[in-house]
Amino acid sequence: MTDSLPLALALAGIVTAVSPLGLRYIKLDGLQMAALSYVVSLALAAAAGLLTGQLHPTTASVMAVLAGSGAFWSVQQGVFKVLYAADPAVVNPPVPPPVKPAP
């Protein structure tokens, strides 16, 4: 392991933990939001691999990125559940009332 690996994992972990607050502004539900959050986790794992120089076109490297993205996605979903349990409005902003048309 290189010295940049802990730094890359820490940065990716921080971004992963904060990402539910950013994803709340994207208006998707159910499977679409789950897919988007996994794609974000996959991108974070790939970015961590690129930052450390550990990402190579090998089966082992691809499996490491997939394992990392699964771990990041799990952390992301855990943070979402904790925030949602604390206050649903934190991760699901209230919808403003519809604007009435002018007469």
PDB file of N, CA and C in Angstrom:
ATOM      1  N   MET A   1       0.832  -1.175   0.000  1.00  0.00           N
ATOM      2  CA  MET A   1       0.000   0.000   0.000  1.00  0.00           C
ATOM      3  C   MET A   1       0.879   1.241   0.000  1.00  0.00           C
ATOM      4  N   THR A   2       0.418   2.243  -0.685  1.00  0.00           N
ATOM      5  CA  THR A   2       1.176   3.477  -0.761  1.00  0.00           C
ATOM      6  C   THR A   2       0.700   4.448   0.304  1.00  0.00           C
ATOM      7  N   ASP A   3       1.445   5.530   0.463  1.00  0.00           N
ATOM      8  CA  ASP A   3       1.067   6.539   1.448  1.00  0.00           C
ATOM      9  C   ASP A   3      -0.167   7.328   1.013  1.00  0.00           C
ATOM     10  N   SER A   4      -0.468   7.359  -0.291  1.00  0.00           N
ATOM     11  CA  SER A   4      -1.619   8.122  -0.766  1.00  0.00           C
ATOM     12  C   SER A   4      -2.931   7.361  -0.608  1.00  0.00           C
ATOM     13  N   LEU A   5      -2.870   6.055  -0.367  1.00  0.00           N
ATOM     14  CA  LEU A   5      -4.093   5.266  -0.244  1.00  0.00           C
ATOM     15  C   LEU A   5      -4.952   5.703   0.942  1.00  0.00           C
ATOM     16  N   PRO A   6      -4.413   5.864   2.155  1.00  0.00           N
ATOM     17  CA  PRO A   6      -5.268   6.311   3.258  1.00  0.00           C
ATOM     18  C   PRO A   6      -5.881   7.690   3.000  1.00  0.00           C
ATOM     19  N   LEU A   7      -5.115   8.586   2.389  1.00  0.00           N
ATOM     20  CA  LEU A   7      -5.637   9.916   2.081  1.00  0.00           C
ATOM     21  C   LEU A   7      -6.773   9.827   1.067  1.00  0.00           C
ATOM     22  N   ALA A   8      -6.599   9.029   0.018  1.00  0.00           N
ATOM     23  CA  ALA A   8      -7.645   8.892  -0.999  1.00  0.00           C
ATOM     24  C   ALA A   8      -8.893   8.266  -0.405  1.00  0.00           C
ATOM     25  N   LEU A   9      -8.731   7.261   0.428  1.00  0.00           N
ATOM     26  CA  LEU A   9      -9.890   6.625   1.054  1.00  0.00           C
ATOM     27  C   LEU A   9     -10.589   7.567   2.026  1.00  0.00           C
ATOM     28  N   ALA A  10      -9.819   8.371   2.754  1.00  0.00           N
ATOM     29  CA  ALA A  10     -10.423   9.334   3.674  1.00  0.00           C
ATOM     30  C   ALA A  10     -11.218  10.393   2.914  1.00  0.00           C
ATOM     31  N   LEU A  11     -10.637  10.922   1.829  1.00  0.00           N
ATOM     32  CA  LEU A  11     -11.351  11.924   1.028  1.00  0.00           C
ATOM     33  C   LEU A  11     -12.604  11.330   0.399  1.00  0.00           C
ATOM     34  N   ALA A  12     -12.487  10.137  -0.128  1.00  0.00           N
ATOM     35  CA  ALA A  12     -13.660   9.486  -0.727  1.00  0.00           C
ATOM     36  C   ALA A  12     -14.712   9.191   0.333  1.00  0.00           C
ATOM     37  N   GLY A  13     -14.289   8.819   1.507  1.00  0.00           N
ATOM     38  CA  GLY A  13     -15.235   8.566   2.599  1.00  0.00           C
ATOM     39  C   GLY A  13     -15.972   9.809   3.029  1.00  0.00           C
ATOM     40  N   ILE A  14     -15.261  10.928   3.089  1.00  0.00           N
ATOM     41  CA  ILE A  14     -15.899  12.201   3.458  1.00  0.00           C
ATOM     42  C   ILE A  14     -16.910  12.608   2.396  1.00  0.00           C
ATOM     43  N   VAL A  15     -16.515  12.534   1.136  1.00  0.00           N
ATOM     44  CA  VAL A  15     -17.438  12.890   0.052  1.00  0.00           C
ATOM     45  C   VAL A  15     -18.644  11.955   0.051  1.00  0.00           C
ATOM     46  N   THR A  16     -18.413  10.678   0.319  1.00  0.00           N
ATOM     47  CA  THR A  16     -19.502   9.708   0.375  1.00  0.00           C
ATOM     48  C   THR A  16     -20.465  10.033   1.506  1.00  0.00           C
ATOM     49  N   ALA A  17     -19.930  10.396   2.658  1.00  0.00           N
ATOM     50  CA  ALA A  17     -20.778  10.696   3.805  1.00  0.00           C
ATOM     51  C   ALA A  17     -21.598  11.974   3.590  1.00  0.00           C
ATOM     52  N   VAL A  18     -21.073  12.908   2.829  1.00  0.00           N
ATOM     53  CA  VAL A  18     -21.773  14.174   2.592  1.00  0.00           C
ATOM     54  C   VAL A  18     -22.686  14.096   1.367  1.00  0.00           C
ATOM     55  N   SER A  19     -22.489  13.110   0.512  1.00  0.00           N
ATOM     56  CA  SER A  19     -23.239  13.046  -0.749  1.00  0.00           C
ATOM     57  C   SER A  19     -24.754  12.960  -0.600  1.00  0.00           C
ATOM     58  N   PRO A  20     -25.330  12.338   0.450  1.00  0.00           N
ATOM     59  CA  PRO A  20     -26.787  12.371   0.545  1.00  0.00           C
ATOM     60  C   PRO A  20     -27.365  13.780   0.641  1.00  0.00           C
ATOM     61  N   LEU A  21     -26.585  14.701   1.204  1.00  0.00           N
ATOM     62  CA  LEU A  21     -27.056  16.086   1.278  1.00  0.00           C
ATOM     63  C   LEU A  21     -27.076  16.741  -0.097  1.00  0.00           C
ATOM     64  N   GLY A  22     -26.179  16.352  -0.985  1.00  0.00           N
ATOM     65  CA  GLY A  22     -26.185  16.881  -2.345  1.00  0.00           C
ATOM     66  C   GLY A  22     -27.191  16.180  -3.239  1.00  0.00           C
ATOM     67  N   LEU A  23     -27.352  14.872  -3.029  1.00  0.00           N
ATOM     68  CA  LEU A  23     -28.290  14.113  -3.854  1.00  0.00           C
ATOM     69  C   LEU A  23     -29.745  14.457  -3.553  1.00  0.00           C
ATOM     70  N   ARG A  24     -29.987  15.125  -2.450  1.00  0.00           N
ATOM     71  CA  ARG A  24     -31.373  15.445  -2.098  1.00  0.00           C
ATOM     72  C   ARG A  24     -32.016  16.411  -3.085  1.00  0.00           C
ATOM     73  N   TYR A  25     -31.219  17.147  -3.825  1.00  0.00           N
ATOM     74  CA  TYR A  25     -31.772  18.118  -4.768  1.00  0.00           C
ATOM     75  C   TYR A  25     -32.088  17.512  -6.139  1.00  0.00           C
ATOM     76  N   ILE A  26     -31.762  16.258  -6.317  1.00  0.00           N
ATOM     77  CA  ILE A  26     -32.070  15.580  -7.575  1.00  0.00           C
ATOM     78  C   ILE A  26     -33.407  14.881  -7.405  1.00  0.00           C
ATOM     79  N   LYS A  27     -34.338  15.204  -8.259  1.00  0.00           N
ATOM     80  CA  LYS A  27     -35.710  14.711  -8.121  1.00  0.00           C
ATOM     81  C   LYS A  27     -35.878  13.343  -8.790  1.00  0.00           C
ATOM     82  N   LEU A  28     -35.376  12.306  -8.137  1.00  0.00           N
ATOM     83  CA  LEU A  28     -35.559  10.931  -8.581  1.00  0.00           C
ATOM     84  C   LEU A  28     -36.080  10.127  -7.395  1.00  0.00           C
ATOM     85  N   ASP A  29     -36.788   9.057  -7.695  1.00  0.00           N
ATOM     86  CA  ASP A  29     -37.324   8.220  -6.631  1.00  0.00           C
ATOM     87  C   ASP A  29     -36.950   6.767  -6.852  1.00  0.00           C
ATOM     88  N   GLY A  30     -36.980   6.017  -5.776  1.00  0.00           N
ATOM     89  CA  GLY A  30     -36.851   4.568  -5.837  1.00  0.00           C
ATOM     90  C   GLY A  30     -35.581   4.063  -6.494  1.00  0.00           C
ATOM     91  N   LEU A  31     -35.772   3.185  -7.472  1.00  0.00           N
ATOM     92  CA  LEU A  31     -34.639   2.531  -8.125  1.00  0.00           C
ATOM     93  C   LEU A  31     -33.748   3.508  -8.887  1.00  0.00           C
ATOM     94  N   GLN A  32     -34.339   4.560  -9.429  1.00  0.00           N
ATOM     95  CA  GLN A  32     -33.528   5.537 -10.159  1.00  0.00           C
ATOM     96  C   GLN A  32     -32.546   6.239  -9.214  1.00  0.00           C
ATOM     97  N   MET A  33     -33.003   6.615  -8.012  1.00  0.00           N
ATOM     98  CA  MET A  33     -32.111   7.257  -7.054  1.00  0.00           C
ATOM     99  C   MET A  33     -31.082   6.264  -6.530  1.00  0.00           C
ATOM    100  N   ALA A  34     -31.484   5.024  -6.335  1.00  0.00           N
ATOM    101  CA  ALA A  34     -30.525   4.002  -5.884  1.00  0.00           C
ATOM    102  C   ALA A  34     -29.439   3.805  -6.938  1.00  0.00           C
ATOM    103  N   ALA A  35     -29.842   3.763  -8.209  1.00  0.00           N
ATOM    104  CA  ALA A  35     -28.863   3.602  -9.290  1.00  0.00           C
ATOM    105  C   ALA A  35     -27.931   4.803  -9.354  1.00  0.00           C
ATOM    106  N   LEU A  36     -28.478   6.007  -9.235  1.00  0.00           N
ATOM    107  CA  LEU A  36     -27.643   7.207  -9.275  1.00  0.00           C
ATOM    108  C   LEU A  36     -26.666   7.226  -8.107  1.00  0.00           C
ATOM    109  N   SER A  37     -27.138   6.870  -6.920  1.00  0.00           N
ATOM    110  CA  SER A  37     -26.242   6.886  -5.767  1.00  0.00           C
ATOM    111  C   SER A  37     -25.140   5.834  -5.917  1.00  0.00           C
ATOM    112  N   TYR A  38     -25.458   4.693  -6.557  1.00  0.00           N
ATOM    113  CA  TYR A  38     -24.408   3.698  -6.784  1.00  0.00           C
ATOM    114  C   TYR A  38     -23.413   4.185  -7.831  1.00  0.00           C
ATOM    115  N   VAL A  39     -23.884   4.872  -8.863  1.00  0.00           N
ATOM    116  CA  VAL A  39     -22.973   5.415  -9.879  1.00  0.00           C
ATOM    117  C   VAL A  39     -22.047   6.447  -9.235  1.00  0.00           C
ATOM    118  N   VAL A  40     -22.577   7.268  -8.325  1.00  0.00           N
ATOM    119  CA  VAL A  40     -21.734   8.230  -7.608  1.00  0.00           C
ATOM    120  C   VAL A  40     -20.680   7.486  -6.787  1.00  0.00           C
ATOM    121  N   SER A  41     -21.088   6.422  -6.115  1.00  0.00           N
ATOM    122  CA  SER A  41     -20.133   5.629  -5.326  1.00  0.00           C
ATOM    123  C   SER A  41     -19.081   4.965  -6.207  1.00  0.00           C
ATOM    124  N   LEU A  42     -19.500   4.482  -7.368  1.00  0.00           N
ATOM    125  CA  LEU A  42     -18.561   3.869  -8.313  1.00  0.00           C
ATOM    126  C   LEU A  42     -17.554   4.908  -8.813  1.00  0.00           C
ATOM    127  N   ALA A  43     -18.036   6.115  -9.107  1.00  0.00           N
ATOM    128  CA  ALA A  43     -17.137   7.184  -9.553  1.00  0.00           C
ATOM    129  C   ALA A  43     -16.153   7.562  -8.446  1.00  0.00           C
ATOM    130  N   LEU A  44     -16.617   7.600  -7.199  1.00  0.00           N
ATOM    131  CA  LEU A  44     -15.719   7.907  -6.079  1.00  0.00           C
ATOM    132  C   LEU A  44     -14.659   6.827  -5.906  1.00  0.00           C
ATOM    133  N   ALA A  45     -15.055   5.577  -6.045  1.00  0.00           N
ATOM    134  CA  ALA A  45     -14.073   4.482  -5.919  1.00  0.00           C
ATOM    135  C   ALA A  45     -13.055   4.539  -7.054  1.00  0.00           C
ATOM    136  N   ALA A  46     -13.523   4.828  -8.258  1.00  0.00           N
ATOM    137  CA  ALA A  46     -12.600   4.945  -9.396  1.00  0.00           C
ATOM    138  C   ALA A  46     -11.662   6.137  -9.207  1.00  0.00           C
ATOM    139  N   ALA A  47     -12.205   7.254  -8.694  1.00  0.00           N
ATOM    140  CA  ALA A  47     -11.369   8.435  -8.455  1.00  0.00           C
ATOM    141  C   ALA A  47     -10.314   8.145  -7.385  1.00  0.00           C
ATOM    142  N   ALA A  48     -10.696   7.402  -6.341  1.00  0.00           N
ATOM    143  CA  ALA A  48      -9.722   7.032  -5.311  1.00  0.00           C
ATOM    144  C   ALA A  48      -8.635   6.144  -5.909  1.00  0.00           C
ATOM    145  N   GLY A  49      -9.013   5.232  -6.802  1.00  0.00           N
ATOM    146  CA  GLY A  49      -8.024   4.378  -7.464  1.00  0.00           C
ATOM    147  C   GLY A  49      -7.087   5.170  -8.355  1.00  0.00           C
ATOM    148  N   LEU A  50      -7.639   6.150  -9.063  1.00  0.00           N
ATOM    149  CA  LEU A  50      -6.799   6.992  -9.921  1.00  0.00           C
ATOM    150  C   LEU A  50      -5.871   7.877  -9.092  1.00  0.00           C
ATOM    151  N   LEU A  51      -6.392   8.417  -7.994  1.00  0.00           N
ATOM    152  CA  LEU A  51      -5.599   9.302  -7.140  1.00  0.00           C
ATOM    153  C   LEU A  51      -4.403   8.577  -6.536  1.00  0.00           C
ATOM    154  N   THR A  52      -4.594   7.320  -6.191  1.00  0.00           N
ATOM    155  CA  THR A  52      -3.507   6.553  -5.589  1.00  0.00           C
ATOM    156  C   THR A  52      -2.597   5.902  -6.616  1.00  0.00           C
ATOM    157  N   GLY A  53      -3.019   5.868  -7.865  1.00  0.00           N
ATOM    158  CA  GLY A  53      -2.239   5.199  -8.888  1.00  0.00           C
ATOM    159  C   GLY A  53      -2.406   3.695  -8.850  1.00  0.00           C
ATOM    160  N   GLN A  54      -3.405   3.216  -8.128  1.00  0.00           N
ATOM    161  CA  GLN A  54      -3.643   1.783  -7.972  1.00  0.00           C
ATOM    162  C   GLN A  54      -4.583   1.228  -9.042  1.00  0.00           C
ATOM    163  N   LEU A  55      -5.159   2.099  -9.865  1.00  0.00           N
ATOM    164  CA  LEU A  55      -6.128   1.662 -10.859  1.00  0.00           C
ATOM    165  C   LEU A  55      -5.409   1.291 -12.153  1.00  0.00           C
ATOM    166  N   HIS A  56      -5.495   0.018 -12.509  1.00  0.00           N
ATOM    167  CA  HIS A  56      -4.880  -0.497 -13.726  1.00  0.00           C
ATOM    168  C   HIS A  56      -5.921  -1.364 -14.443  1.00  0.00           C
ATOM    169  N   PRO A  57      -5.753  -1.569 -15.750  1.00  0.00           N
ATOM    170  CA  PRO A  57      -6.721  -2.406 -16.472  1.00  0.00           C
ATOM    171  C   PRO A  57      -6.504  -3.902 -16.220  1.00  0.00           C
ATOM    172  N   THR A  58      -6.647  -4.295 -14.971  1.00  0.00           N
ATOM    173  CA  THR A  58      -6.525  -5.709 -14.618  1.00  0.00           C
ATOM    174  C   THR A  58      -7.790  -6.136 -13.878  1.00  0.00           C
ATOM    175  N   THR A  59      -8.001  -7.423 -13.833  1.00  0.00           N
ATOM    176  CA  THR A  59      -9.180  -7.947 -13.144  1.00  0.00           C
ATOM    177  C   THR A  59      -9.146  -7.603 -11.661  1.00  0.00           C
ATOM    178  N   ALA A  60      -7.996  -7.717 -11.045  1.00  0.00           N
ATOM    179  CA  ALA A  60      -7.870  -7.421  -9.617  1.00  0.00           C
ATOM    180  C   ALA A  60      -8.181  -5.960  -9.326  1.00  0.00           C
ATOM    181  N   SER A  61      -7.727  -5.065 -10.191  1.00  0.00           N
ATOM    182  CA  SER A  61      -7.985  -3.638 -10.001  1.00  0.00           C
ATOM    183  C   SER A  61      -9.467  -3.321 -10.156  1.00  0.00           C
ATOM    184  N   VAL A  62     -10.096  -3.917 -11.162  1.00  0.00           N
ATOM    185  CA  VAL A  62     -11.524  -3.690 -11.375  1.00  0.00           C
ATOM    186  C   VAL A  62     -12.331  -4.235 -10.197  1.00  0.00           C
ATOM    187  N   MET A  63     -11.952  -5.401  -9.697  1.00  0.00           N
ATOM    188  CA  MET A  63     -12.642  -5.970  -8.546  1.00  0.00           C
ATOM    189  C   MET A  63     -12.462  -5.104  -7.300  1.00  0.00           C
ATOM    190  N   ALA A  64     -11.284  -4.504  -7.146  1.00  0.00           N
ATOM    191  CA  ALA A  64     -11.047  -3.616  -6.012  1.00  0.00           C
ATOM    192  C   ALA A  64     -11.925  -2.375  -6.108  1.00  0.00           C
ATOM    193  N   VAL A  65     -12.081  -1.829  -7.320  1.00  0.00           N
ATOM    194  CA  VAL A  65     -12.951  -0.658  -7.507  1.00  0.00           C
ATOM    195  C   VAL A  65     -14.399  -1.037  -7.216  1.00  0.00           C
ATOM    196  N   LEU A  66     -14.836  -2.202  -7.683  1.00  0.00           N
ATOM    197  CA  LEU A  66     -16.207  -2.633  -7.413  1.00  0.00           C
ATOM    198  C   LEU A  66     -16.436  -2.869  -5.919  1.00  0.00           C
ATOM    199  N   ALA A  67     -15.464  -3.441  -5.247  1.00  0.00           N
ATOM    200  CA  ALA A  67     -15.588  -3.646  -3.802  1.00  0.00           C
ATOM    201  C   ALA A  67     -15.609  -2.305  -3.073  1.00  0.00           C
ATOM    202  N   GLY A  68     -14.767  -1.389  -3.500  1.00  0.00           N
ATOM    203  CA  GLY A  68     -14.761  -0.061  -2.890  1.00  0.00           C
ATOM    204  C   GLY A  68     -16.062   0.675  -3.117  1.00  0.00           C
ATOM    205  N   SER A  69     -16.612   0.556  -4.320  1.00  0.00           N
ATOM    206  CA  SER A  69     -17.867   1.252  -4.594  1.00  0.00           C
ATOM    207  C   SER A  69     -19.000   0.657  -3.772  1.00  0.00           C
ATOM    208  N   GLY A  70     -18.968  -0.652  -3.559  1.00  0.00           N
ATOM    209  CA  GLY A  70     -19.977  -1.271  -2.698  1.00  0.00           C
ATOM    210  C   GLY A  70     -19.862  -0.778  -1.262  1.00  0.00           C
ATOM    211  N   ALA A  71     -18.635  -0.632  -0.792  1.00  0.00           N
ATOM    212  CA  ALA A  71     -18.414  -0.121   0.566  1.00  0.00           C
ATOM    213  C   ALA A  71     -18.861   1.332   0.669  1.00  0.00           C
ATOM    214  N   PHE A  72     -18.520   2.143  -0.325  1.00  0.00           N
ATOM    215  CA  PHE A  72     -18.926   3.547  -0.307  1.00  0.00           C
ATOM    216  C   PHE A  72     -20.445   3.671  -0.378  1.00  0.00           C
ATOM    217  N   TRP A  73     -21.084   2.835  -1.194  1.00  0.00           N
ATOM    218  CA  TRP A  73     -22.535   2.890  -1.315  1.00  0.00           C
ATOM    219  C   TRP A  73     -23.185   2.507   0.008  1.00  0.00           C
ATOM    220  N   SER A  74     -22.627   1.533   0.702  1.00  0.00           N
ATOM    221  CA  SER A  74     -23.158   1.134   2.007  1.00  0.00           C
ATOM    222  C   SER A  74     -23.051   2.268   3.015  1.00  0.00           C
ATOM    223  N   VAL A  75     -21.918   2.947   3.029  1.00  0.00           N
ATOM    224  CA  VAL A  75     -21.746   4.094   3.923  1.00  0.00           C
ATOM    225  C   VAL A  75     -22.740   5.187   3.556  1.00  0.00           C
ATOM    226  N   GLN A  76     -22.890   5.441   2.265  1.00  0.00           N
ATOM    227  CA  GLN A  76     -23.816   6.472   1.795  1.00  0.00           C
ATOM    228  C   GLN A  76     -25.248   6.165   2.234  1.00  0.00           C
ATOM    229  N   GLN A  77     -25.679   4.916   2.083  1.00  0.00           N
ATOM    230  CA  GLN A  77     -27.032   4.546   2.477  1.00  0.00           C
ATOM    231  C   GLN A  77     -27.203   4.600   3.993  1.00  0.00           C
ATOM    232  N   GLY A  78     -26.167   4.231   4.737  1.00  0.00           N
ATOM    233  CA  GLY A  78     -26.226   4.332   6.192  1.00  0.00           C
ATOM    234  C   GLY A  78     -26.369   5.762   6.663  1.00  0.00           C
ATOM    235  N   VAL A  79     -25.597   6.671   6.059  1.00  0.00           N
ATOM    236  CA  VAL A  79     -25.700   8.089   6.410  1.00  0.00           C
ATOM    237  C   VAL A  79     -27.089   8.615   6.057  1.00  0.00           C
ATOM    238  N   PHE A  80     -27.613   8.208   4.900  1.00  0.00           N
ATOM    239  CA  PHE A  80     -28.955   8.631   4.512  1.00  0.00           C
ATOM    240  C   PHE A  80     -29.978   8.191   5.558  1.00  0.00           C
ATOM    241  N   LYS A  81     -29.911   6.937   5.990  1.00  0.00           N
ATOM    242  CA  LYS A  81     -30.872   6.424   6.968  1.00  0.00           C
ATOM    243  C   LYS A  81     -30.767   7.163   8.302  1.00  0.00           C
ATOM    244  N   VAL A  82     -29.548   7.453   8.735  1.00  0.00           N
ATOM    245  CA  VAL A  82     -29.363   8.182   9.994  1.00  0.00           C
ATOM    246  C   VAL A  82     -29.931   9.593   9.874  1.00  0.00           C
ATOM    247  N   LEU A  83     -29.624  10.279   8.779  1.00  0.00           N
ATOM    248  CA  LEU A  83     -30.154  11.632   8.584  1.00  0.00           C
ATOM    249  C   LEU A  83     -31.671  11.627   8.456  1.00  0.00           C
ATOM    250  N   TYR A  84     -32.204  10.638   7.756  1.00  0.00           N
ATOM    251  CA  TYR A  84     -33.649  10.557   7.572  1.00  0.00           C
ATOM    252  C   TYR A  84     -34.350  10.265   8.897  1.00  0.00           C
ATOM    253  N   ALA A  85     -33.747   9.430   9.734  1.00  0.00           N
ATOM    254  CA  ALA A  85     -34.331   9.130  11.040  1.00  0.00           C
ATOM    255  C   ALA A  85     -34.301  10.356  11.945  1.00  0.00           C
ATOM    256  N   ALA A  86     -33.257  11.167  11.818  1.00  0.00           N
ATOM    257  CA  ALA A  86     -33.142  12.367  12.641  1.00  0.00           C
ATOM    258  C   ALA A  86     -34.168  13.421  12.227  1.00  0.00           C
ATOM    259  N   ASP A  87     -34.271  13.656  10.930  1.00  0.00           N
ATOM    260  CA  ASP A  87     -35.213  14.652  10.415  1.00  0.00           C
ATOM    261  C   ASP A  87     -35.393  14.408   8.925  1.00  0.00           C
ATOM    262  N   PRO A  88     -36.551  13.926   8.502  1.00  0.00           N
ATOM    263  CA  PRO A  88     -36.754  13.626   7.080  1.00  0.00           C
ATOM    264  C   PRO A  88     -36.529  14.822   6.158  1.00  0.00           C
ATOM    265  N   ALA A  89     -36.726  16.039   6.655  1.00  0.00           N
ATOM    266  CA  ALA A  89     -36.541  17.217   5.811  1.00  0.00           C
ATOM    267  C   ALA A  89     -35.074  17.456   5.473  1.00  0.00           C
ATOM    268  N   VAL A  90     -34.157  16.847   6.213  1.00  0.00           N
ATOM    269  CA  VAL A  90     -32.733  17.038   5.931  1.00  0.00           C
ATOM    270  C   VAL A  90     -32.364  16.423   4.591  1.00  0.00           C
ATOM    271  N   VAL A  91     -32.862  15.225   4.312  1.00  0.00           N
ATOM    272  CA  VAL A  91     -32.519  14.556   3.065  1.00  0.00           C
ATOM    273  C   VAL A  91     -33.623  14.649   2.016  1.00  0.00           C
ATOM    274  N   ASN A  92     -34.820  15.015   2.418  1.00  0.00           N
ATOM    275  CA  ASN A  92     -35.924  15.219   1.486  1.00  0.00           C
ATOM    276  C   ASN A  92     -36.484  16.615   1.714  1.00  0.00           C
ATOM    277  N   PRO A  93     -36.000  17.607   0.967  1.00  0.00           N
ATOM    278  CA  PRO A  93     -36.470  18.965   1.214  1.00  0.00           C
ATOM    279  C   PRO A  93     -37.969  19.062   0.956  1.00  0.00           C
ATOM    280  N   PRO A  94     -38.663  19.903   1.746  1.00  0.00           N
ATOM    281  CA  PRO A  94     -40.095  20.041   1.529  1.00  0.00           C
ATOM    282  C   PRO A  94     -40.391  20.629   0.148  1.00  0.00           C
ATOM    283  N   VAL A  95     -41.471  20.159  -0.424  1.00  0.00           N
ATOM    284  CA  VAL A  95     -41.868  20.635  -1.753  1.00  0.00           C
ATOM    285  C   VAL A  95     -42.632  21.945  -1.568  1.00  0.00           C
ATOM    286  N   PRO A  96     -42.232  23.004  -2.282  1.00  0.00           N
ATOM    287  CA  PRO A  96     -42.961  24.270  -2.142  1.00  0.00           C
ATOM    288  C   PRO A  96     -44.374  24.130  -2.713  1.00  0.00           C
ATOM    289  N   PRO A  97     -45.308  24.894  -2.158  1.00  0.00           N
ATOM    290  CA  PRO A  97     -46.666  24.811  -2.680  1.00  0.00           C
ATOM    291  C   PRO A  97     -46.726  25.291  -4.134  1.00  0.00           C
ATOM    292  N   PRO A  98     -47.677  24.761  -4.904  1.00  0.00           N
ATOM    293  CA  PRO A  98     -47.762  25.188  -6.306  1.00  0.00           C
ATOM    294  C   PRO A  98     -48.134  26.657  -6.418  1.00  0.00           C
ATOM    295  N   VAL A  99     -47.596  27.283  -7.428  1.00  0.00           N
ATOM    296  CA  VAL A  99     -47.866  28.699  -7.657  1.00  0.00           C
ATOM    297  C   VAL A  99     -49.198  28.811  -8.381  1.00  0.00           C
ATOM    298  N   LYS A 100     -50.073  29.654  -7.845  1.00  0.00           N
ATOM    299  CA  LYS A 100     -51.380  29.847  -8.485  1.00  0.00           C
ATOM    300  C   LYS A 100     -51.231  30.796  -9.656  1.00  0.00           C
ATOM    301  N   PRO A 101     -51.885  30.477 -10.778  1.00  0.00           N
ATOM    302  CA  PRO A 101     -51.781  31.371 -11.925  1.00  0.00           C
ATOM    303  C   PRO A 101     -52.477  32.698 -11.645  1.00  0.00           C
ATOM    304  N   ALA A 102     -51.920  33.718 -12.231  1.00  0.00           N
ATOM    305  CA  ALA A 102     -52.501  35.068 -12.063  1.00  0.00           C
ATOM    306  C   ALA A 102     -53.826  35.148 -12.819  1.00  0.00           C
ATOM    307  N   PRO A 103     -54.794  35.853 -12.243  1.00  0.00           N
ATOM    308  CA  PRO A 103     -56.106  35.963 -12.931  1.00  0.00           C
ATOM    309  C   PRO A 103     -56.046  36.833 -14.164  1.00  0.00           C
TER     310      PRO A 103
END
